Amino acid sequence: MSKLKTHKGISKRMKKTSNGKLKRSKAFRNHILTKKSAKRKRGLRQPGLVHESMEKKYSKLLPYN
């Protein structure tokens, strides 16, 4: 059987944690930051986890990561 290809778009956006969960960066942190509070922007800096319902789908796109 041939090798599976890694989906490059997903591999640039997500990393696997040591527990096997997928870590992602949060949205809404690119522009129009003046109207967002410092507390909100600080929270957006922290990485988020992919929801359980999407984890299986994304894991198939990252076979060797």
PDB file of N, CA and C in Angstrom:
ATOM      1  N   MET A   1       0.843  -1.187   0.000  1.00  0.00           N
ATOM      2  CA  MET A   1       0.000   0.000   0.000  1.00  0.00           C
ATOM      3  C   MET A   1       0.886   1.247   0.000  1.00  0.00           C
ATOM      4  N   SER A   2       0.480   2.241  -0.738  1.00  0.00           N
ATOM      5  CA  SER A   2       1.287   3.455  -0.838  1.00  0.00           C
ATOM      6  C   SER A   2       1.172   4.306   0.432  1.00  0.00           C
ATOM      7  N   LYS A   3       2.112   5.213   0.557  1.00  0.00           N
ATOM      8  CA  LYS A   3       2.115   6.105   1.716  1.00  0.00           C
ATOM      9  C   LYS A   3       0.947   7.079   1.639  1.00  0.00           C
ATOM     10  N   LEU A   4       0.485   7.505   2.808  1.00  0.00           N
ATOM     11  CA  LEU A   4      -0.563   8.523   2.874  1.00  0.00           C
ATOM     12  C   LEU A   4       0.092   9.891   2.822  1.00  0.00           C
ATOM     13  N   LYS A   5      -0.562  10.819   2.162  1.00  0.00           N
ATOM     14  CA  LYS A   5      -0.022  12.176   2.076  1.00  0.00           C
ATOM     15  C   LYS A   5      -0.588  13.043   3.196  1.00  0.00           C
ATOM     16  N   THR A   6       0.283  13.853   3.765  1.00  0.00           N
ATOM     17  CA  THR A   6      -0.126  14.820   4.781  1.00  0.00           C
ATOM     18  C   THR A   6      -0.788  16.000   4.096  1.00  0.00           C
ATOM     19  N   HIS A   7      -1.897  16.463   4.644  1.00  0.00           N
ATOM     20  CA  HIS A   7      -2.572  17.647   4.123  1.00  0.00           C
ATOM     21  C   HIS A   7      -1.803  18.870   4.614  1.00  0.00           C
ATOM     22  N   LYS A   8      -1.133  19.564   3.697  1.00  0.00           N
ATOM     23  CA  LYS A   8      -0.213  20.636   4.073  1.00  0.00           C
ATOM     24  C   LYS A   8      -0.923  21.821   4.721  1.00  0.00           C
ATOM     25  N   GLY A   9      -2.164  22.107   4.317  1.00  0.00           N
ATOM     26  CA  GLY A   9      -2.905  23.210   4.917  1.00  0.00           C
ATOM     27  C   GLY A   9      -3.171  22.971   6.387  1.00  0.00           C
ATOM     28  N   ILE A  10      -3.529  21.736   6.730  1.00  0.00           N
ATOM     29  CA  ILE A  10      -3.796  21.393   8.125  1.00  0.00           C
ATOM     30  C   ILE A  10      -2.497  21.325   8.921  1.00  0.00           C
ATOM     31  N   SER A  11      -1.438  20.800   8.304  1.00  0.00           N
ATOM     32  CA  SER A  11      -0.176  20.648   9.032  1.00  0.00           C
ATOM     33  C   SER A  11       0.434  21.998   9.401  1.00  0.00           C
ATOM     34  N   LYS A  12       0.148  23.038   8.629  1.00  0.00           N
ATOM     35  CA  LYS A  12       0.644  24.372   8.946  1.00  0.00           C
ATOM     36  C   LYS A  12      -0.164  25.031  10.059  1.00  0.00           C
ATOM     37  N   ARG A  13      -1.387  24.558  10.269  1.00  0.00           N
ATOM     38  CA  ARG A  13      -2.282  25.209  11.224  1.00  0.00           C
ATOM     39  C   ARG A  13      -2.400  24.475  12.552  1.00  0.00           C
ATOM     40  N   MET A  14      -2.070  23.193  12.576  1.00  0.00           N
ATOM     41  CA  MET A  14      -2.287  22.399  13.781  1.00  0.00           C
ATOM     42  C   MET A  14      -1.089  21.543  14.111  1.00  0.00           C
ATOM     43  N   LYS A  15      -0.940  21.301  15.414  1.00  0.00           N
ATOM     44  CA  LYS A  15       0.112  20.413  15.913  1.00  0.00           C
ATOM     45  C   LYS A  15      -0.546  19.402  16.841  1.00  0.00           C
ATOM     46  N   LYS A  16       0.034  18.216  16.911  1.00  0.00           N
ATOM     47  CA  LYS A  16      -0.461  17.220  17.846  1.00  0.00           C
ATOM     48  C   LYS A  16       0.221  17.405  19.189  1.00  0.00           C
ATOM     49  N   THR A  17      -0.559  17.279  20.270  1.00  0.00           N
ATOM     50  CA  THR A  17      -0.002  17.370  21.612  1.00  0.00           C
ATOM     51  C   THR A  17       0.522  15.994  22.018  1.00  0.00           C
ATOM     52  N   SER A  18       1.145  15.926  23.177  1.00  0.00           N
ATOM     53  CA  SER A  18       1.684  14.647  23.640  1.00  0.00           C
ATOM     54  C   SER A  18       0.575  13.640  23.927  1.00  0.00           C
ATOM     55  N   ASN A  19      -0.623  14.133  24.249  1.00  0.00           N
ATOM     56  CA  ASN A  19      -1.764  13.249  24.501  1.00  0.00           C
ATOM     57  C   ASN A  19      -2.459  12.825  23.226  1.00  0.00           C
ATOM     58  N   GLY A  20      -2.037  13.375  22.080  1.00  0.00           N
ATOM     59  CA  GLY A  20      -2.655  13.014  20.809  1.00  0.00           C
ATOM     60  C   GLY A  20      -3.775  13.940  20.395  1.00  0.00           C
ATOM     61  N   LYS A  21      -4.039  14.974  21.185  1.00  0.00           N
ATOM     62  CA  LYS A  21      -5.067  15.945  20.800  1.00  0.00           C
ATOM     63  C   LYS A  21      -4.463  16.939  19.816  1.00  0.00           C
ATOM     64  N   LEU A  22      -5.310  17.692  19.139  1.00  0.00           N
ATOM     65  CA  LEU A  22      -4.834  18.665  18.165  1.00  0.00           C
ATOM     66  C   LEU A  22      -4.916  20.073  18.735  1.00  0.00           C
ATOM     67  N   LYS A  23      -3.804  20.783  18.643  1.00  0.00           N
ATOM     68  CA  LYS A  23      -3.700  22.151  19.130  1.00  0.00           C
ATOM     69  C   LYS A  23      -3.818  23.089  17.945  1.00  0.00           C
ATOM     70  N   ARG A  24      -4.577  24.185  18.115  1.00  0.00           N
ATOM     71  CA  ARG A  24      -4.780  25.135  17.031  1.00  0.00           C
ATOM     72  C   ARG A  24      -4.641  26.545  17.567  1.00  0.00           C
ATOM     73  N   SER A  25      -4.467  27.499  16.655  1.00  0.00           N
ATOM     74  CA  SER A  25      -4.462  28.896  17.072  1.00  0.00           C
ATOM     75  C   SER A  25      -5.873  29.450  16.937  1.00  0.00           C
ATOM     76  N   LYS A  26      -6.174  30.457  17.716  1.00  0.00           N
ATOM     77  CA  LYS A  26      -7.531  31.006  17.726  1.00  0.00           C
ATOM     78  C   LYS A  26      -7.707  32.078  16.657  1.00  0.00           C
ATOM     79  N   ALA A  27      -8.937  32.254  16.246  1.00  0.00           N
ATOM     80  CA  ALA A  27      -9.271  33.231  15.214  1.00  0.00           C
ATOM     81  C   ALA A  27      -9.499  34.613  15.828  1.00  0.00           C
ATOM     82  N   PHE A  28      -9.723  35.612  14.995  1.00  0.00           N
ATOM     83  CA  PHE A  28     -10.063  36.990  15.385  1.00  0.00           C
ATOM     84  C   PHE A  28      -8.901  37.738  16.034  1.00  0.00           C
ATOM     85  N   ARG A  29      -7.671  37.448  15.616  1.00  0.00           N
ATOM     86  CA  ARG A  29      -6.510  38.103  16.212  1.00  0.00           C
ATOM     87  C   ARG A  29      -5.684  38.824  15.152  1.00  0.00           C
ATOM     88  N   ASN A  30      -6.232  39.036  13.940  1.00  0.00           N
ATOM     89  CA  ASN A  30      -5.441  39.586  12.842  1.00  0.00           C
ATOM     90  C   ASN A  30      -5.539  41.099  12.710  1.00  0.00           C
ATOM     91  N   HIS A  31      -6.727  41.630  12.728  1.00  0.00           N
ATOM     92  CA  HIS A  31      -6.883  43.075  12.514  1.00  0.00           C
ATOM     93  C   HIS A  31      -8.099  43.564  13.274  1.00  0.00           C
ATOM     94  N   ILE A  32      -8.310  44.875  13.255  1.00  0.00           N
ATOM     95  CA  ILE A  32      -9.365  45.540  14.032  1.00  0.00           C
ATOM     96  C   ILE A  32      -9.208  45.177  15.509  1.00  0.00           C
ATOM     97  N   LEU A  33      -7.997  45.384  16.021  1.00  0.00           N
ATOM     98  CA  LEU A  33      -7.706  45.017  17.404  1.00  0.00           C
ATOM     99  C   LEU A  33      -7.982  46.146  18.384  1.00  0.00           C
ATOM    100  N   THR A  34      -8.245  47.357  17.875  1.00  0.00           N
ATOM    101  CA  THR A  34      -8.435  48.490  18.771  1.00  0.00           C
ATOM    102  C   THR A  34      -9.728  48.377  19.576  1.00  0.00           C
ATOM    103  N   LYS A  35     -10.756  47.808  18.987  1.00  0.00           N
ATOM    104  CA  LYS A  35     -12.036  47.709  19.695  1.00  0.00           C
ATOM    105  C   LYS A  35     -12.123  46.488  20.600  1.00  0.00           C
ATOM    106  N   LYS A  36     -11.149  45.600  20.528  1.00  0.00           N
ATOM    107  CA  LYS A  36     -11.157  44.413  21.382  1.00  0.00           C
ATOM    108  C   LYS A  36     -10.397  44.722  22.666  1.00  0.00           C
ATOM    109  N   SER A  37     -10.934  44.232  23.776  1.00  0.00           N
ATOM    110  CA  SER A  37     -10.317  44.512  25.069  1.00  0.00           C
ATOM    111  C   SER A  37      -8.996  43.760  25.207  1.00  0.00           C
ATOM    112  N   ALA A  38      -8.160  44.245  26.106  1.00  0.00           N
ATOM    113  CA  ALA A  38      -6.861  43.604  26.348  1.00  0.00           C
ATOM    114  C   ALA A  38      -7.063  42.185  26.873  1.00  0.00           C
ATOM    115  N   LYS A  39      -8.082  42.005  27.691  1.00  0.00           N
ATOM    116  CA  LYS A  39      -8.373  40.681  28.248  1.00  0.00           C
ATOM    117  C   LYS A  39      -8.736  39.703  27.134  1.00  0.00           C
ATOM    118  N   ARG A  40      -9.524  40.171  26.180  1.00  0.00           N
ATOM    119  CA  ARG A  40      -9.947  39.330  25.058  1.00  0.00           C
ATOM    120  C   ARG A  40      -8.745  38.967  24.176  1.00  0.00           C
ATOM    121  N   LYS A  41      -7.906  39.947  23.883  1.00  0.00           N
ATOM    122  CA  LYS A  41      -6.725  39.703  23.044  1.00  0.00           C
ATOM    123  C   LYS A  41      -5.741  38.768  23.729  1.00  0.00           C
ATOM    124  N   ARG A  42      -5.630  38.897  25.038  1.00  0.00           N
ATOM    125  CA  ARG A  42      -4.749  38.028  25.810  1.00  0.00           C
ATOM    126  C   ARG A  42      -5.238  36.582  25.743  1.00  0.00           C
ATOM    127  N   GLY A  43      -6.541  36.411  25.786  1.00  0.00           N
ATOM    128  CA  GLY A  43      -7.115  35.072  25.682  1.00  0.00           C
ATOM    129  C   GLY A  43      -6.925  34.457  24.303  1.00  0.00           C
ATOM    130  N   LEU A  44      -6.935  35.305  23.285  1.00  0.00           N
ATOM    131  CA  LEU A  44      -6.760  34.814  21.913  1.00  0.00           C
ATOM    132  C   LEU A  44      -5.322  34.377  21.636  1.00  0.00           C
ATOM    133  N   ARG A  45      -4.385  34.828  22.464  1.00  0.00           N
ATOM    134  CA  ARG A  45      -2.988  34.411  22.306  1.00  0.00           C
ATOM    135  C   ARG A  45      -2.794  32.944  22.657  1.00  0.00           C
ATOM    136  N   GLN A  46      -3.581  32.456  23.603  1.00  0.00           N
ATOM    137  CA  GLN A  46      -3.429  31.082  24.065  1.00  0.00           C
ATOM    138  C   GLN A  46      -3.923  30.112  22.998  1.00  0.00           C
ATOM    139  N   PRO A  47      -3.248  28.984  22.829  1.00  0.00           N
ATOM    140  CA  PRO A  47      -3.723  28.015  21.842  1.00  0.00           C
ATOM    141  C   PRO A  47      -5.008  27.344  22.315  1.00  0.00           C
ATOM    142  N   GLY A  48      -5.822  26.937  21.355  1.00  0.00           N
ATOM    143  CA  GLY A  48      -7.044  26.214  21.666  1.00  0.00           C
ATOM    144  C   GLY A  48      -6.909  24.778  21.205  1.00  0.00           C
ATOM    145  N   LEU A  49      -7.875  23.958  21.568  1.00  0.00           N
ATOM    146  CA  LEU A  49      -7.893  22.572  21.128  1.00  0.00           C
ATOM    147  C   LEU A  49      -9.013  22.387  20.113  1.00  0.00           C
ATOM    148  N   VAL A  50      -8.794  21.496  19.187  1.00  0.00           N
ATOM    149  CA  VAL A  50      -9.814  21.177  18.194  1.00  0.00           C
ATOM    150  C   VAL A  50     -10.932  20.413  18.895  1.00  0.00           C
ATOM    151  N   HIS A  51     -12.156  20.695  18.533  1.00  0.00           N
ATOM    152  CA  HIS A  51     -13.313  20.044  19.133  1.00  0.00           C
ATOM    153  C   HIS A  51     -13.286  18.547  18.832  1.00  0.00           C
ATOM    154  N   GLU A  52     -13.821  17.770  19.770  1.00  0.00           N
ATOM    155  CA  GLU A  52     -13.808  16.310  19.646  1.00  0.00           C
ATOM    156  C   GLU A  52     -14.477  15.826  18.366  1.00  0.00           C
ATOM    157  N   SER A  53     -15.528  16.515  17.945  1.00  0.00           N
ATOM    158  CA  SER A  53     -16.265  16.083  16.754  1.00  0.00           C
ATOM    159  C   SER A  53     -15.441  16.238  15.476  1.00  0.00           C
ATOM    160  N   MET A  54     -14.463  17.147  15.471  1.00  0.00           N
ATOM    161  CA  MET A  54     -13.631  17.376  14.285  1.00  0.00           C
ATOM    162  C   MET A  54     -12.271  16.683  14.381  1.00  0.00           C
ATOM    163  N   GLU A  55     -11.925  16.191  15.570  1.00  0.00           N
ATOM    164  CA  GLU A  55     -10.594  15.640  15.792  1.00  0.00           C
ATOM    165  C   GLU A  55     -10.294  14.444  14.895  1.00  0.00           C
ATOM    166  N   LYS A  56     -11.258  13.556  14.730  1.00  0.00           N
ATOM    167  CA  LYS A  56     -11.051  12.355  13.916  1.00  0.00           C
ATOM    168  C   LYS A  56     -10.802  12.725  12.455  1.00  0.00           C
ATOM    169  N   LYS A  57     -11.556  13.679  11.963  1.00  0.00           N
ATOM    170  CA  LYS A  57     -11.428  14.133  10.578  1.00  0.00           C
ATOM    171  C   LYS A  57     -10.040  14.719  10.309  1.00  0.00           C
ATOM    172  N   TYR A  58      -9.581  15.594  11.213  1.00  0.00           N
ATOM    173  CA  TYR A  58      -8.284  16.237  11.033  1.00  0.00           C
ATOM    174  C   TYR A  58      -7.131  15.270  11.251  1.00  0.00           C
ATOM    175  N   SER A  59      -7.310  14.298  12.147  1.00  0.00           N
ATOM    176  CA  SER A  59      -6.246  13.332  12.410  1.00  0.00           C
ATOM    177  C   SER A  59      -5.949  12.488  11.171  1.00  0.00           C
ATOM    178  N   LYS A  60      -6.975  12.219  10.386  1.00  0.00           N
ATOM    179  CA  LYS A  60      -6.767  11.467   9.130  1.00  0.00           C
ATOM    180  C   LYS A  60      -5.930  12.262   8.135  1.00  0.00           C
ATOM    181  N   LEU A  61      -6.019  13.588   8.194  1.00  0.00           N
ATOM    182  CA  LEU A  61      -5.247  14.443   7.296  1.00  0.00           C
ATOM    183  C   LEU A  61      -3.815  14.613   7.767  1.00  0.00           C
ATOM    184  N   LEU A  62      -3.530  14.220   9.015  1.00  0.00           N
ATOM    185  CA  LEU A  62      -2.180  14.309   9.570  1.00  0.00           C
ATOM    186  C   LEU A  62      -1.698  12.913   9.974  1.00  0.00           C
ATOM    187  N   PRO A  63      -1.458  12.037   9.021  1.00  0.00           N
ATOM    188  CA  PRO A  63      -1.185  10.640   9.366  1.00  0.00           C
ATOM    189  C   PRO A  63       0.115  10.412  10.118  1.00  0.00           C
ATOM    190  N   TYR A  64       1.155  11.209   9.880  1.00  0.00           N
ATOM    191  CA  TYR A  64       2.455  10.920  10.469  1.00  0.00           C
ATOM    192  C   TYR A  64       2.912  11.966  11.469  1.00  0.00           C
ATOM    193  N   ASN A  65       2.056  12.886  11.840  1.00  0.00           N
ATOM    194  CA  ASN A  65       2.447  13.945  12.783  1.00  0.00           C
ATOM    195  C   ASN A  65       2.106  13.531  14.193  1.00  0.00           C
TER     196      ASN A  65
END
